Amino acid sequence: MNSYDSIVVGGGVSGLLSALVLSKSGKNVLLLEKNRNLGNNCNSYLVNGYRVDTGPHAITQLHNGGPLRYLMENYFDYVPALIDYGDYFIREEEGLKEVPTTLKGYLTMDVLPRKDRLIIAQSLTKMLLSWEFGADISNVSVYQSLPWNTLSSDTKEFMDTFSYFLSGKSAKETSVQRMFVGGGFIEEDIDKDIIRENSEHQHSDKFKRLSYVSRLLNNNKVNYNQYYPRNGLKAVLNSILYSLPETVEIKTNTAVEKIVTENDIAKGVLTKEGPYFADIIVYSAFAKDLPKYITDLPAPYISDLNRIKQSKSLTIWLGLDEAFEEFNYIGGEVWFKKKSFWQCQ
């Protein structure tokens, strides 16, 4: 009764997707979730008829064989409808202005002082070219890439706010590479070594460099690979639950207290209800919490896990009504002025 082919610890979206793939590969799966509800940050709820999402504002990598696209096409019985995410905007007292996605856009971005616009444009170009020619910019922060002390307070606040918008961290902690990915200048899943090994001609790297630099100089669409599920994030959760075979048993309100190992191989889990055993144990809860469940992990591995910083998000429902037309668009907003739009009304 307590033996399965696979046990999945954690009923968030990644745990549910793991259970889906395992079960459709012929495995008998037990999924254990400590909370009452499934989905974790991939969920929605209603407030006075308005749908509020608890998780990400957009789903990326839905083109060119992205991971979620692959899973939907191969394992979902029902694929949720996806809509174009729209554009990013800066909210000002006078209304909305598009977040710049080209060199010209940054140079003409009149919400910031002209001198700062030139500095940002020069720094963007320099860092993008450095990356194109092989430099590692993943450890270079947005703060480090700019002459921070020479910028105006508004520009500093904008760069800091936009960094939080992209990574959940400040400009000092957000890499320039993340800024380029979020700005659509670099493809998130690009692998230069694979391109080099599988290219049909020896000049493919040069052509790639030109294509990315041309995005900065010419037309560039930030959301070319970003979509949003129609009817909210719960549509994705419902699609996964609908697609799960009967070979998946789900237990909510069931906290795992320990992952049982033998000769460094996971054999099962302990809960207040008792033990469960399986040949495959998938841990899909917070990575940083893994040492709570396995006590004999190597010290260097525990040290690496402790370096993980969780980004927290908050959904705020503003109580909009049908007559309010300020959000009559599809996209996302960035607010960075100390005196916000709402305080000006």
C-alpha atoms as a PDB file:
ATOM      1  CA  MET A   1       0.000   0.000   0.000  1.00  0.00           C
ATOM      2  CA  ASN A   2       2.919   2.388   0.736  1.00  0.00           C
ATOM      3  CA  SER A   3       5.144   1.505  -2.234  1.00  0.00           C
ATOM      4  CA  TYR A   4       5.231   3.445  -5.488  1.00  0.00           C
ATOM      5  CA  ASP A   5       7.443   3.734  -8.542  1.00  0.00           C
ATOM      6  CA  SER A   6       8.019   7.437  -7.855  1.00  0.00           C
ATOM      7  CA  ILE A   7       7.380   9.916  -5.052  1.00  0.00           C
ATOM      8  CA  VAL A   8       7.274  13.665  -5.730  1.00  0.00           C
ATOM      9  CA  VAL A   9       7.842  15.942  -2.730  1.00  0.00           C
ATOM     10  CA  GLY A  10       6.093  19.271  -3.319  1.00  0.00           C
ATOM     11  CA  GLY A  11       2.887  20.060  -5.205  1.00  0.00           C
ATOM     12  CA  GLY A  12       3.924  23.304  -6.883  1.00  0.00           C
ATOM     13  CA  VAL A  13       3.912  23.583 -10.637  1.00  0.00           C
ATOM     14  CA  SER A  14       7.320  21.894 -11.033  1.00  0.00           C
ATOM     15  CA  GLY A  15       6.277  18.998  -8.811  1.00  0.00           C
ATOM     16  CA  LEU A  16       3.035  18.565 -10.712  1.00  0.00           C
ATOM     17  CA  LEU A  17       4.881  18.644 -14.036  1.00  0.00           C
ATOM     18  CA  SER A  18       7.297  16.012 -12.711  1.00  0.00           C
ATOM     19  CA  ALA A  19       4.372  13.815 -11.686  1.00  0.00           C
ATOM     20  CA  LEU A  20       2.791  14.320 -15.118  1.00  0.00           C
ATOM     21  CA  VAL A  21       5.909  13.265 -17.049  1.00  0.00           C
ATOM     22  CA  LEU A  22       6.648  10.301 -14.769  1.00  0.00           C
ATOM     23  CA  SER A  23       3.080   9.009 -14.841  1.00  0.00           C
ATOM     24  CA  LYS A  24       2.792   9.306 -18.609  1.00  0.00           C
ATOM     25  CA  SER A  25       6.040   7.367 -18.837  1.00  0.00           C
ATOM     26  CA  GLY A  26       4.338   4.466 -17.080  1.00  0.00           C
ATOM     27  CA  LYS A  27       5.211   5.190 -13.451  1.00  0.00           C
ATOM     28  CA  ASN A  28       2.909   4.845 -10.455  1.00  0.00           C
ATOM     29  CA  VAL A  29       3.349   8.232  -8.711  1.00  0.00           C
ATOM     30  CA  LEU A  30       2.608   9.594  -5.229  1.00  0.00           C
ATOM     31  CA  LEU A  31       2.689  13.399  -4.884  1.00  0.00           C
ATOM     32  CA  LEU A  32       2.891  14.876  -1.375  1.00  0.00           C
ATOM     33  CA  GLU A  33       2.044  18.534  -0.663  1.00  0.00           C
ATOM     34  CA  LYS A  34       2.238  20.010   2.833  1.00  0.00           C
ATOM     35  CA  ASN A  35      -0.345  22.747   2.128  1.00  0.00           C
ATOM     36  CA  ARG A  36      -4.042  22.430   1.409  1.00  0.00           C
ATOM     37  CA  ASN A  37      -3.833  23.784  -2.146  1.00  0.00           C
ATOM     38  CA  LEU A  38      -1.752  22.693  -5.119  1.00  0.00           C
ATOM     39  CA  GLY A  39       0.115  24.930  -7.531  1.00  0.00           C
ATOM     40  CA  ASN A  40       1.971  27.162  -5.062  1.00  0.00           C
ATOM     41  CA  ASN A  41       2.876  30.322  -7.051  1.00  0.00           C
ATOM     42  CA  CYS A  42       1.094  29.110 -10.175  1.00  0.00           C
ATOM     43  CA  ASN A  43      -2.389  29.987  -9.020  1.00  0.00           C
ATOM     44  CA  SER A  44      -5.192  32.559  -9.159  1.00  0.00           C
ATOM     45  CA  TYR A  45      -8.079  33.683  -7.022  1.00  0.00           C
ATOM     46  CA  LEU A  46     -11.054  36.022  -7.462  1.00  0.00           C
ATOM     47  CA  VAL A  47     -11.766  39.258  -5.589  1.00  0.00           C
ATOM     48  CA  ASN A  48     -15.157  40.778  -6.413  1.00  0.00           C
ATOM     49  CA  GLY A  49     -15.017  39.149  -9.841  1.00  0.00           C
ATOM     50  CA  TYR A  50     -11.441  40.259 -10.611  1.00  0.00           C
ATOM     51  CA  ARG A  51      -8.839  37.558 -11.145  1.00  0.00           C
ATOM     52  CA  VAL A  52      -5.620  38.020  -9.161  1.00  0.00           C
ATOM     53  CA  ASP A  53      -2.549  35.879  -9.907  1.00  0.00           C
ATOM     54  CA  THR A  54      -0.078  34.818  -7.219  1.00  0.00           C
ATOM     55  CA  GLY A  55       2.921  34.093  -9.434  1.00  0.00           C
ATOM     56  CA  PRO A  56       4.946  35.347 -12.422  1.00  0.00           C
ATOM     57  CA  HIS A  57       3.775  38.180 -14.622  1.00  0.00           C
ATOM     58  CA  ALA A  58       4.780  36.403 -17.860  1.00  0.00           C
ATOM     59  CA  ILE A  59       5.829  32.967 -19.109  1.00  0.00           C
ATOM     60  CA  THR A  60       9.011  33.004 -21.183  1.00  0.00           C
ATOM     61  CA  GLN A  61      10.713  30.638 -23.660  1.00  0.00           C
ATOM     62  CA  LEU A  62       7.489  29.573 -25.348  1.00  0.00           C
ATOM     63  CA  HIS A  63       9.132  29.668 -28.780  1.00  0.00           C
ATOM     64  CA  ASN A  64      11.856  27.506 -30.282  1.00  0.00           C
ATOM     65  CA  GLY A  65      11.319  24.427 -28.148  1.00  0.00           C
ATOM     66  CA  GLY A  66      11.236  26.086 -24.723  1.00  0.00           C
ATOM     67  CA  PRO A  67      10.746  23.668 -21.795  1.00  0.00           C
ATOM     68  CA  LEU A  68       7.098  24.478 -21.045  1.00  0.00           C
ATOM     69  CA  ARG A  69       6.212  24.435 -24.747  1.00  0.00           C
ATOM     70  CA  TYR A  70       7.823  20.983 -25.037  1.00  0.00           C
ATOM     71  CA  LEU A  71       5.907  19.669 -22.022  1.00  0.00           C
ATOM     72  CA  MET A  72       2.593  21.080 -23.233  1.00  0.00           C
ATOM     73  CA  GLU A  73       2.984  19.594 -26.702  1.00  0.00           C
ATOM     74  CA  ASN A  74       4.047  16.158 -25.465  1.00  0.00           C
ATOM     75  CA  TYR A  75       2.232  15.613 -22.154  1.00  0.00           C
ATOM     76  CA  PHE A  76      -0.777  17.922 -21.816  1.00  0.00           C
ATOM     77  CA  ASP A  77      -4.202  16.556 -22.735  1.00  0.00           C
ATOM     78  CA  TYR A  78      -5.449  20.148 -22.820  1.00  0.00           C
ATOM     79  CA  VAL A  79      -3.216  23.124 -23.679  1.00  0.00           C
ATOM     80  CA  PRO A  80      -4.244  26.491 -22.164  1.00  0.00           C
ATOM     81  CA  ALA A  81      -4.783  29.430 -24.498  1.00  0.00           C
ATOM     82  CA  LEU A  82      -1.827  31.819 -24.452  1.00  0.00           C
ATOM     83  CA  ILE A  83      -1.931  35.491 -25.364  1.00  0.00           C
ATOM     84  CA  ASP A  84       0.831  37.918 -26.302  1.00  0.00           C
ATOM     85  CA  TYR A  85       2.145  39.534 -23.147  1.00  0.00           C
ATOM     86  CA  GLY A  86       2.075  43.024 -24.661  1.00  0.00           C
ATOM     87  CA  ASP A  87       4.609  45.772 -23.937  1.00  0.00           C
ATOM     88  CA  TYR A  88       6.418  47.255 -20.948  1.00  0.00           C
ATOM     89  CA  PHE A  89       5.549  50.802 -19.929  1.00  0.00           C
ATOM     90  CA  ILE A  90       6.827  53.467 -17.562  1.00  0.00           C
ATOM     91  CA  ARG A  91       3.989  55.066 -15.591  1.00  0.00           C
ATOM     92  CA  GLU A  92       4.249  58.847 -15.272  1.00  0.00           C
ATOM     93  CA  GLU A  93       1.879  61.547 -14.134  1.00  0.00           C
ATOM     94  CA  GLU A  94       1.054  62.296 -17.777  1.00  0.00           C
ATOM     95  CA  GLY A  95       0.369  58.651 -18.642  1.00  0.00           C
ATOM     96  CA  LEU A  96       2.319  55.712 -20.079  1.00  0.00           C
ATOM     97  CA  LYS A  97       5.570  55.699 -22.020  1.00  0.00           C
ATOM     98  CA  GLU A  98       7.115  52.578 -23.503  1.00  0.00           C
ATOM     99  CA  VAL A  99      10.229  51.194 -21.848  1.00  0.00           C
ATOM    100  CA  PRO A 100      13.047  51.724 -24.374  1.00  0.00           C
ATOM    101  CA  THR A 101      14.241  48.611 -26.199  1.00  0.00           C
ATOM    102  CA  THR A 102      16.660  50.194 -28.681  1.00  0.00           C
ATOM    103  CA  LEU A 103      19.585  52.570 -28.564  1.00  0.00           C
ATOM    104  CA  LYS A 104      17.413  55.309 -30.045  1.00  0.00           C
ATOM    105  CA  GLY A 105      14.782  54.601 -27.392  1.00  0.00           C
ATOM    106  CA  TYR A 106      17.241  55.182 -24.566  1.00  0.00           C
ATOM    107  CA  LEU A 107      18.582  58.339 -26.207  1.00  0.00           C
ATOM    108  CA  THR A 108      15.086  59.834 -26.537  1.00  0.00           C
ATOM    109  CA  MET A 109      13.771  58.643 -23.167  1.00  0.00           C
ATOM    110  CA  ASP A 110      12.742  62.031 -21.814  1.00  0.00           C
ATOM    111  CA  VAL A 111      11.777  60.755 -18.362  1.00  0.00           C
ATOM    112  CA  LEU A 112      15.508  60.880 -17.539  1.00  0.00           C
ATOM    113  CA  PRO A 113      18.070  63.706 -17.938  1.00  0.00           C
ATOM    114  CA  ARG A 114      19.736  63.859 -21.344  1.00  0.00           C
ATOM    115  CA  LYS A 115      23.244  63.387 -19.920  1.00  0.00           C
ATOM    116  CA  ASP A 116      22.161  60.189 -18.148  1.00  0.00           C
ATOM    117  CA  ARG A 117      20.520  58.869 -21.291  1.00  0.00           C
ATOM    118  CA  LEU A 118      23.809  59.189 -23.164  1.00  0.00           C
ATOM    119  CA  ILE A 119      25.662  57.418 -20.355  1.00  0.00           C
ATOM    120  CA  ILE A 120      23.166  54.527 -20.303  1.00  0.00           C
ATOM    121  CA  ALA A 121      23.248  54.165 -24.100  1.00  0.00           C
ATOM    122  CA  GLN A 122      27.062  54.117 -24.148  1.00  0.00           C
ATOM    123  CA  SER A 123      27.242  51.602 -21.307  1.00  0.00           C
ATOM    124  CA  LEU A 124      24.640  49.307 -22.908  1.00  0.00           C
ATOM    125  CA  THR A 125      26.506  49.307 -26.203  1.00  0.00           C
ATOM    126  CA  LYS A 126      29.871  48.669 -24.536  1.00  0.00           C
ATOM    127  CA  MET A 127      28.610  45.767 -22.407  1.00  0.00           C
ATOM    128  CA  LEU A 128      26.660  44.141 -25.244  1.00  0.00           C
ATOM    129  CA  LEU A 129      29.684  44.257 -27.529  1.00  0.00           C
ATOM    130  CA  SER A 130      31.830  42.814 -24.735  1.00  0.00           C
ATOM    131  CA  TRP A 131      29.419  39.909 -24.393  1.00  0.00           C
ATOM    132  CA  GLU A 132      29.246  39.377 -28.141  1.00  0.00           C
ATOM    133  CA  PHE A 133      33.020  39.006 -28.293  1.00  0.00           C
ATOM    134  CA  GLY A 134      33.222  36.458 -25.508  1.00  0.00           C
ATOM    135  CA  ALA A 135      33.346  38.383 -22.218  1.00  0.00           C
ATOM    136  CA  ASP A 136      31.499  36.908 -19.227  1.00  0.00           C
ATOM    137  CA  ILE A 137      29.087  39.581 -18.007  1.00  0.00           C
ATOM    138  CA  SER A 138      27.004  37.307 -15.783  1.00  0.00           C
ATOM    139  CA  ASN A 139      28.959  38.529 -12.733  1.00  0.00           C
ATOM    140  CA  VAL A 140      28.942  42.207 -13.738  1.00  0.00           C
ATOM    141  CA  SER A 141      26.115  44.054 -12.009  1.00  0.00           C
ATOM    142  CA  VAL A 142      24.048  46.858 -13.490  1.00  0.00           C
ATOM    143  CA  TYR A 143      25.508  49.075 -10.773  1.00  0.00           C
ATOM    144  CA  GLN A 144      29.092  48.200 -11.808  1.00  0.00           C
ATOM    145  CA  SER A 145      28.404  48.785 -15.499  1.00  0.00           C
ATOM    146  CA  LEU A 146      27.441  52.437 -14.947  1.00  0.00           C
ATOM    147  CA  PRO A 147      29.297  55.445 -13.455  1.00  0.00           C
ATOM    148  CA  TRP A 148      26.759  55.321 -10.640  1.00  0.00           C
ATOM    149  CA  ASN A 149      27.904  58.358  -8.670  1.00  0.00           C
ATOM    150  CA  THR A 150      27.533  60.652 -11.711  1.00  0.00           C
ATOM    151  CA  LEU A 151      23.868  59.726 -12.348  1.00  0.00           C
ATOM    152  CA  SER A 152      20.896  61.760 -11.152  1.00  0.00           C
ATOM    153  CA  SER A 153      18.692  60.443  -8.344  1.00  0.00           C
ATOM    154  CA  ASP A 154      15.834  59.784 -10.815  1.00  0.00           C
ATOM    155  CA  THR A 155      18.098  57.711 -13.059  1.00  0.00           C
ATOM    156  CA  LYS A 156      19.473  55.727 -10.134  1.00  0.00           C
ATOM    157  CA  GLU A 157      15.949  55.031  -8.950  1.00  0.00           C
ATOM    158  CA  PHE A 158      14.868  53.976 -12.443  1.00  0.00           C
ATOM    159  CA  MET A 159      17.796  51.562 -12.921  1.00  0.00           C
ATOM    160  CA  ASP A 160      17.245  50.123  -9.438  1.00  0.00           C
ATOM    161  CA  THR A 161      13.494  49.729  -9.980  1.00  0.00           C
ATOM    162  CA  PHE A 162      13.951  48.177 -13.418  1.00  0.00           C
ATOM    163  CA  SER A 163      16.473  45.736 -11.928  1.00  0.00           C
ATOM    164  CA  TYR A 164      13.909  44.660  -9.332  1.00  0.00           C
ATOM    165  CA  PHE A 165      11.365  44.351 -12.138  1.00  0.00           C
ATOM    166  CA  LEU A 166      13.632  41.922 -14.015  1.00  0.00           C
ATOM    167  CA  SER A 167      15.259  39.908 -11.236  1.00  0.00           C
ATOM    168  CA  GLY A 168      13.663  40.766  -7.893  1.00  0.00           C
ATOM    169  CA  LYS A 169      16.979  42.266  -6.795  1.00  0.00           C
ATOM    170  CA  SER A 170      18.625  45.683  -6.720  1.00  0.00           C
ATOM    171  CA  ALA A 171      20.948  47.100  -9.386  1.00  0.00           C
ATOM    172  CA  LYS A 172      23.913  46.025  -7.241  1.00  0.00           C
ATOM    173  CA  GLU A 173      22.708  42.400  -7.337  1.00  0.00           C
ATOM    174  CA  THR A 174      21.263  42.203 -10.877  1.00  0.00           C
ATOM    175  CA  SER A 175      23.679  41.208 -13.638  1.00  0.00           C
ATOM    176  CA  VAL A 176      23.941  43.097 -16.903  1.00  0.00           C
ATOM    177  CA  GLN A 177      23.266  39.800 -18.652  1.00  0.00           C
ATOM    178  CA  ARG A 178      19.847  39.608 -16.950  1.00  0.00           C
ATOM    179  CA  MET A 179      19.186  43.160 -18.132  1.00  0.00           C
ATOM    180  CA  PHE A 180      19.996  42.149 -21.711  1.00  0.00           C
ATOM    181  CA  VAL A 181      17.827  39.034 -21.495  1.00  0.00           C
ATOM    182  CA  GLY A 182      14.928  41.024 -20.019  1.00  0.00           C
ATOM    183  CA  GLY A 183      15.391  43.678 -22.684  1.00  0.00           C
ATOM    184  CA  GLY A 184      15.242  41.085 -25.439  1.00  0.00           C
ATOM    185  CA  PHE A 185      18.785  41.729 -26.704  1.00  0.00           C
ATOM    186  CA  ILE A 186      20.042  38.241 -25.786  1.00  0.00           C
ATOM    187  CA  GLU A 187      18.058  35.010 -26.142  1.00  0.00           C
ATOM    188  CA  GLU A 188      17.694  33.449 -22.722  1.00  0.00           C
ATOM    189  CA  ASP A 189      18.542  29.922 -23.827  1.00  0.00           C
ATOM    190  CA  ILE A 190      21.385  30.797 -26.187  1.00  0.00           C
ATOM    191  CA  ASP A 191      24.374  28.436 -26.086  1.00  0.00           C
ATOM    192  CA  LYS A 192      27.286  29.682 -28.137  1.00  0.00           C
ATOM    193  CA  ASP A 193      29.178  26.387 -27.979  1.00  0.00           C
ATOM    194  CA  ILE A 194      26.234  24.478 -29.436  1.00  0.00           C
ATOM    195  CA  ILE A 195      25.803  27.088 -32.160  1.00  0.00           C
ATOM    196  CA  ARG A 196      29.512  26.874 -32.968  1.00  0.00           C
ATOM    197  CA  GLU A 197      29.560  23.059 -33.107  1.00  0.00           C
ATOM    198  CA  ASN A 198      26.404  22.700 -35.167  1.00  0.00           C
ATOM    199  CA  SER A 199      26.657  25.706 -37.471  1.00  0.00           C
ATOM    200  CA  GLU A 200      26.224  25.173 -41.187  1.00  0.00           C
ATOM    201  CA  HIS A 201      28.916  27.737 -41.954  1.00  0.00           C
ATOM    202  CA  GLN A 202      32.016  28.987 -40.190  1.00  0.00           C
ATOM    203  CA  HIS A 203      30.771  32.558 -39.898  1.00  0.00           C
ATOM    204  CA  SER A 204      27.622  31.810 -37.852  1.00  0.00           C
ATOM    205  CA  ASP A 205      29.027  33.438 -34.683  1.00  0.00           C
ATOM    206  CA  LYS A 206      29.699  36.632 -36.595  1.00  0.00           C
ATOM    207  CA  PHE A 207      26.155  36.629 -37.956  1.00  0.00           C
ATOM    208  CA  LYS A 208      24.818  36.047 -34.418  1.00  0.00           C
ATOM    209  CA  ARG A 209      26.817  38.991 -33.107  1.00  0.00           C
ATOM    210  CA  LEU A 210      25.469  41.196 -35.841  1.00  0.00           C
ATOM    211  CA  SER A 211      21.893  40.087 -35.178  1.00  0.00           C
ATOM    212  CA  TYR A 212      22.094  40.906 -31.457  1.00  0.00           C
ATOM    213  CA  VAL A 213      23.804  44.250 -31.982  1.00  0.00           C
ATOM    214  CA  SER A 214      21.230  45.085 -34.639  1.00  0.00           C
ATOM    215  CA  ARG A 215      18.492  44.588 -32.026  1.00  0.00           C
ATOM    216  CA  LEU A 216      20.040  47.354 -29.994  1.00  0.00           C
ATOM    217  CA  LEU A 217      20.374  49.634 -33.011  1.00  0.00           C
ATOM    218  CA  ASN A 218      17.111  48.868 -34.801  1.00  0.00           C
ATOM    219  CA  ASN A 219      13.725  47.342 -34.031  1.00  0.00           C
ATOM    220  CA  ASN A 220      13.643  45.166 -30.939  1.00  0.00           C
ATOM    221  CA  LYS A 221      10.589  43.616 -29.283  1.00  0.00           C
ATOM    222  CA  VAL A 222      11.038  42.801 -25.599  1.00  0.00           C
ATOM    223  CA  ASN A 223       8.190  40.325 -25.396  1.00  0.00           C
ATOM    224  CA  TYR A 224       8.983  38.349 -28.541  1.00  0.00           C
ATOM    225  CA  ASN A 225       9.129  35.204 -26.402  1.00  0.00           C
ATOM    226  CA  GLN A 226       6.700  36.063 -23.589  1.00  0.00           C
ATOM    227  CA  TYR A 227       3.092  35.040 -23.235  1.00  0.00           C
ATOM    228  CA  TYR A 228       0.406  34.913 -20.604  1.00  0.00           C
ATOM    229  CA  PRO A 229      -2.282  32.233 -20.095  1.00  0.00           C
ATOM    230  CA  ARG A 230      -5.780  33.403 -20.846  1.00  0.00           C
ATOM    231  CA  ASN A 231      -7.892  33.382 -17.647  1.00  0.00           C
ATOM    232  CA  GLY A 232      -4.795  33.609 -15.460  1.00  0.00           C
ATOM    233  CA  LEU A 233      -2.150  31.283 -14.100  1.00  0.00           C
ATOM    234  CA  LYS A 234      -4.740  28.870 -12.759  1.00  0.00           C
ATOM    235  CA  ALA A 235      -5.433  27.913 -16.370  1.00  0.00           C
ATOM    236  CA  VAL A 236      -1.965  26.306 -16.478  1.00  0.00           C
ATOM    237  CA  LEU A 237      -2.540  24.580 -13.141  1.00  0.00           C
ATOM    238  CA  ASN A 238      -5.933  23.265 -14.277  1.00  0.00           C
ATOM    239  CA  SER A 239      -4.430  21.972 -17.544  1.00  0.00           C
ATOM    240  CA  ILE A 240      -1.811  19.982 -15.626  1.00  0.00           C
ATOM    241  CA  LEU A 241      -4.367  18.552 -13.184  1.00  0.00           C
ATOM    242  CA  TYR A 242      -6.698  17.636 -16.061  1.00  0.00           C
ATOM    243  CA  SER A 243      -3.837  15.837 -17.829  1.00  0.00           C
ATOM    244  CA  LEU A 244      -2.702  13.727 -14.852  1.00  0.00           C
ATOM    245  CA  PRO A 245      -3.486  10.008 -15.310  1.00  0.00           C
ATOM    246  CA  GLU A 246      -5.175   7.912 -12.631  1.00  0.00           C
ATOM    247  CA  THR A 247      -1.778   6.448 -11.769  1.00  0.00           C
ATOM    248  CA  VAL A 248      -1.004   9.672  -9.844  1.00  0.00           C
ATOM    249  CA  GLU A 249      -2.114   9.748  -6.210  1.00  0.00           C
ATOM    250  CA  ILE A 250      -2.118  13.205  -4.604  1.00  0.00           C
ATOM    251  CA  LYS A 251      -2.044  13.786  -0.846  1.00  0.00           C
ATOM    252  CA  THR A 252      -2.406  17.391   0.361  1.00  0.00           C
ATOM    253  CA  ASN A 253      -1.931  18.532   3.970  1.00  0.00           C
ATOM    254  CA  THR A 254       0.800  15.903   4.119  1.00  0.00           C
ATOM    255  CA  ALA A 255       4.191  17.249   5.146  1.00  0.00           C
ATOM    256  CA  VAL A 256       7.335  15.232   4.503  1.00  0.00           C
ATOM    257  CA  GLU A 257       9.465  15.091   7.646  1.00  0.00           C
ATOM    258  CA  LYS A 258      12.455  13.221   6.278  1.00  0.00           C
ATOM    259  CA  ILE A 259      13.774  11.690   3.072  1.00  0.00           C
ATOM    260  CA  VAL A 260      15.064   8.209   3.856  1.00  0.00           C
ATOM    261  CA  THR A 261      18.422   7.308   2.272  1.00  0.00           C
ATOM    262  CA  GLU A 262      20.466   4.133   2.114  1.00  0.00           C
ATOM    263  CA  ASN A 263      24.057   4.219   0.848  1.00  0.00           C
ATOM    264  CA  ASP A 264      23.454   7.774  -0.380  1.00  0.00           C
ATOM    265  CA  ILE A 265      20.431   6.671  -2.434  1.00  0.00           C
ATOM    266  CA  ALA A 266      16.936   7.988  -1.608  1.00  0.00           C
ATOM    267  CA  LYS A 267      14.584   5.139  -0.819  1.00  0.00           C
ATOM    268  CA  GLY A 268      11.476   6.810   0.597  1.00  0.00           C
ATOM    269  CA  VAL A 269       9.991   9.531   2.800  1.00  0.00           C
ATOM    270  CA  LEU A 270       8.614   9.788   6.310  1.00  0.00           C
ATOM    271  CA  THR A 271       5.358  11.598   7.144  1.00  0.00           C
ATOM    272  CA  LYS A 272       3.109  11.695  10.215  1.00  0.00           C
ATOM    273  CA  GLU A 273       0.907   9.171   8.420  1.00  0.00           C
ATOM    274  CA  GLY A 274       3.859   6.820   8.097  1.00  0.00           C
ATOM    275  CA  PRO A 275       6.547   5.943   5.557  1.00  0.00           C
ATOM    276  CA  TYR A 276       6.252   5.760   1.774  1.00  0.00           C
ATOM    277  CA  PHE A 277       8.796   4.032  -0.445  1.00  0.00           C
ATOM    278  CA  ALA A 278       9.768   4.344  -4.101  1.00  0.00           C
ATOM    279  CA  ASP A 279      12.634   3.727  -6.525  1.00  0.00           C
ATOM    280  CA  ILE A 280      12.571   7.388  -7.615  1.00  0.00           C
ATOM    281  CA  ILE A 281      12.293  10.351  -5.220  1.00  0.00           C
ATOM    282  CA  VAL A 282      11.809  13.788  -6.793  1.00  0.00           C
ATOM    283  CA  TYR A 283      12.388  16.709  -4.431  1.00  0.00           C
ATOM    284  CA  SER A 284      10.448  19.704  -5.747  1.00  0.00           C
ATOM    285  CA  ALA A 285      10.189  21.905  -2.673  1.00  0.00           C
ATOM    286  CA  PHE A 286      12.537  24.851  -1.965  1.00  0.00           C
ATOM    287  CA  ALA A 287      16.110  23.792  -2.770  1.00  0.00           C
ATOM    288  CA  LYS A 288      17.441  25.716   0.217  1.00  0.00           C
ATOM    289  CA  ASP A 289      15.337  23.545   2.571  1.00  0.00           C
ATOM    290  CA  LEU A 290      16.749  20.219   1.358  1.00  0.00           C
ATOM    291  CA  PRO A 291      19.157  19.821   4.347  1.00  0.00           C
ATOM    292  CA  LYS A 292      16.080  19.707   6.610  1.00  0.00           C
ATOM    293  CA  TYR A 293      15.036  16.443   4.940  1.00  0.00           C
ATOM    294  CA  ILE A 294      18.417  14.800   4.260  1.00  0.00           C
ATOM    295  CA  THR A 295      20.836  15.139   7.165  1.00  0.00           C
ATOM    296  CA  ASP A 296      23.990  13.665   5.611  1.00  0.00           C
ATOM    297  CA  LEU A 297      24.445  15.956   2.611  1.00  0.00           C
ATOM    298  CA  PRO A 298      28.046  17.010   1.822  1.00  0.00           C
ATOM    299  CA  ALA A 299      29.062  20.216   3.601  1.00  0.00           C
ATOM    300  CA  PRO A 300      30.109  22.056   0.380  1.00  0.00           C
ATOM    301  CA  TYR A 301      26.710  21.278  -1.147  1.00  0.00           C
ATOM    302  CA  ILE A 302      24.884  22.618   1.928  1.00  0.00           C
ATOM    303  CA  SER A 303      27.044  25.744   1.762  1.00  0.00           C
ATOM    304  CA  ASP A 304      26.042  26.291  -1.865  1.00  0.00           C
ATOM    305  CA  LEU A 305      22.360  25.820  -1.013  1.00  0.00           C
ATOM    306  CA  ASN A 306      22.620  28.405   1.759  1.00  0.00           C
ATOM    307  CA  ARG A 307      23.727  30.986  -0.796  1.00  0.00           C
ATOM    308  CA  ILE A 308      20.326  30.855  -2.514  1.00  0.00           C
ATOM    309  CA  LYS A 309      18.252  33.970  -1.932  1.00  0.00           C
ATOM    310  CA  GLN A 310      14.500  33.758  -2.372  1.00  0.00           C
ATOM    311  CA  SER A 311      12.749  36.618  -4.116  1.00  0.00           C
ATOM    312  CA  LYS A 312       9.350  37.422  -2.652  1.00  0.00           C
ATOM    313  CA  SER A 313       6.467  38.944  -4.555  1.00  0.00           C
ATOM    314  CA  LEU A 314       3.210  40.569  -3.544  1.00  0.00           C
ATOM    315  CA  THR A 315      -0.014  40.894  -5.509  1.00  0.00           C
ATOM    316  CA  ILE A 316      -1.958  44.062  -4.736  1.00  0.00           C
ATOM    317  CA  TRP A 317      -5.593  44.364  -5.803  1.00  0.00           C
ATOM    318  CA  LEU A 318      -6.492  48.008  -6.343  1.00  0.00           C
ATOM    319  CA  GLY A 319     -10.283  47.732  -6.540  1.00  0.00           C
ATOM    320  CA  LEU A 320     -10.728  48.795 -10.156  1.00  0.00           C
ATOM    321  CA  ASP A 321     -14.145  49.250 -11.730  1.00  0.00           C
ATOM    322  CA  GLU A 322     -15.326  49.096 -15.346  1.00  0.00           C
ATOM    323  CA  ALA A 323     -15.202  52.863 -15.731  1.00  0.00           C
ATOM    324  CA  PHE A 324     -11.513  52.991 -14.867  1.00  0.00           C
ATOM    325  CA  GLU A 325      -9.632  53.004 -18.176  1.00  0.00           C
ATOM    326  CA  GLU A 326      -6.035  53.515 -17.022  1.00  0.00           C
ATOM    327  CA  PHE A 327      -5.317  49.795 -17.479  1.00  0.00           C
ATOM    328  CA  ASN A 328      -7.034  49.395 -20.822  1.00  0.00           C
ATOM    329  CA  TYR A 329      -4.027  47.696 -22.418  1.00  0.00           C
ATOM    330  CA  ILE A 330      -2.035  44.453 -22.359  1.00  0.00           C
ATOM    331  CA  GLY A 331       1.409  44.662 -20.798  1.00  0.00           C
ATOM    332  CA  GLY A 332       3.277  45.601 -17.648  1.00  0.00           C
ATOM    333  CA  GLU A 333       4.164  48.816 -15.837  1.00  0.00           C
ATOM    334  CA  VAL A 334       7.314  50.081 -14.140  1.00  0.00           C
ATOM    335  CA  TRP A 335       6.877  52.785 -11.480  1.00  0.00           C
ATOM    336  CA  PHE A 336       9.979  54.547 -10.218  1.00  0.00           C
ATOM    337  CA  LYS A 337       9.071  58.131  -9.281  1.00  0.00           C
ATOM    338  CA  LYS A 338       8.896  58.718  -5.545  1.00  0.00           C
ATOM    339  CA  LYS A 339       5.622  60.552  -6.064  1.00  0.00           C
ATOM    340  CA  SER A 340       3.626  57.788  -7.683  1.00  0.00           C
ATOM    341  CA  PHE A 341       0.892  58.164 -10.239  1.00  0.00           C
ATOM    342  CA  TRP A 342      -1.755  57.269  -7.661  1.00  0.00           C
ATOM    343  CA  GLN A 343      -0.724  60.040  -5.256  1.00  0.00           C
ATOM    344  CA  CYS A 344      -1.140  62.608  -8.025  1.00  0.00           C
ATOM    345  CA  GLN A 345      -4.854  61.985  -8.526  1.00  0.00           C
END
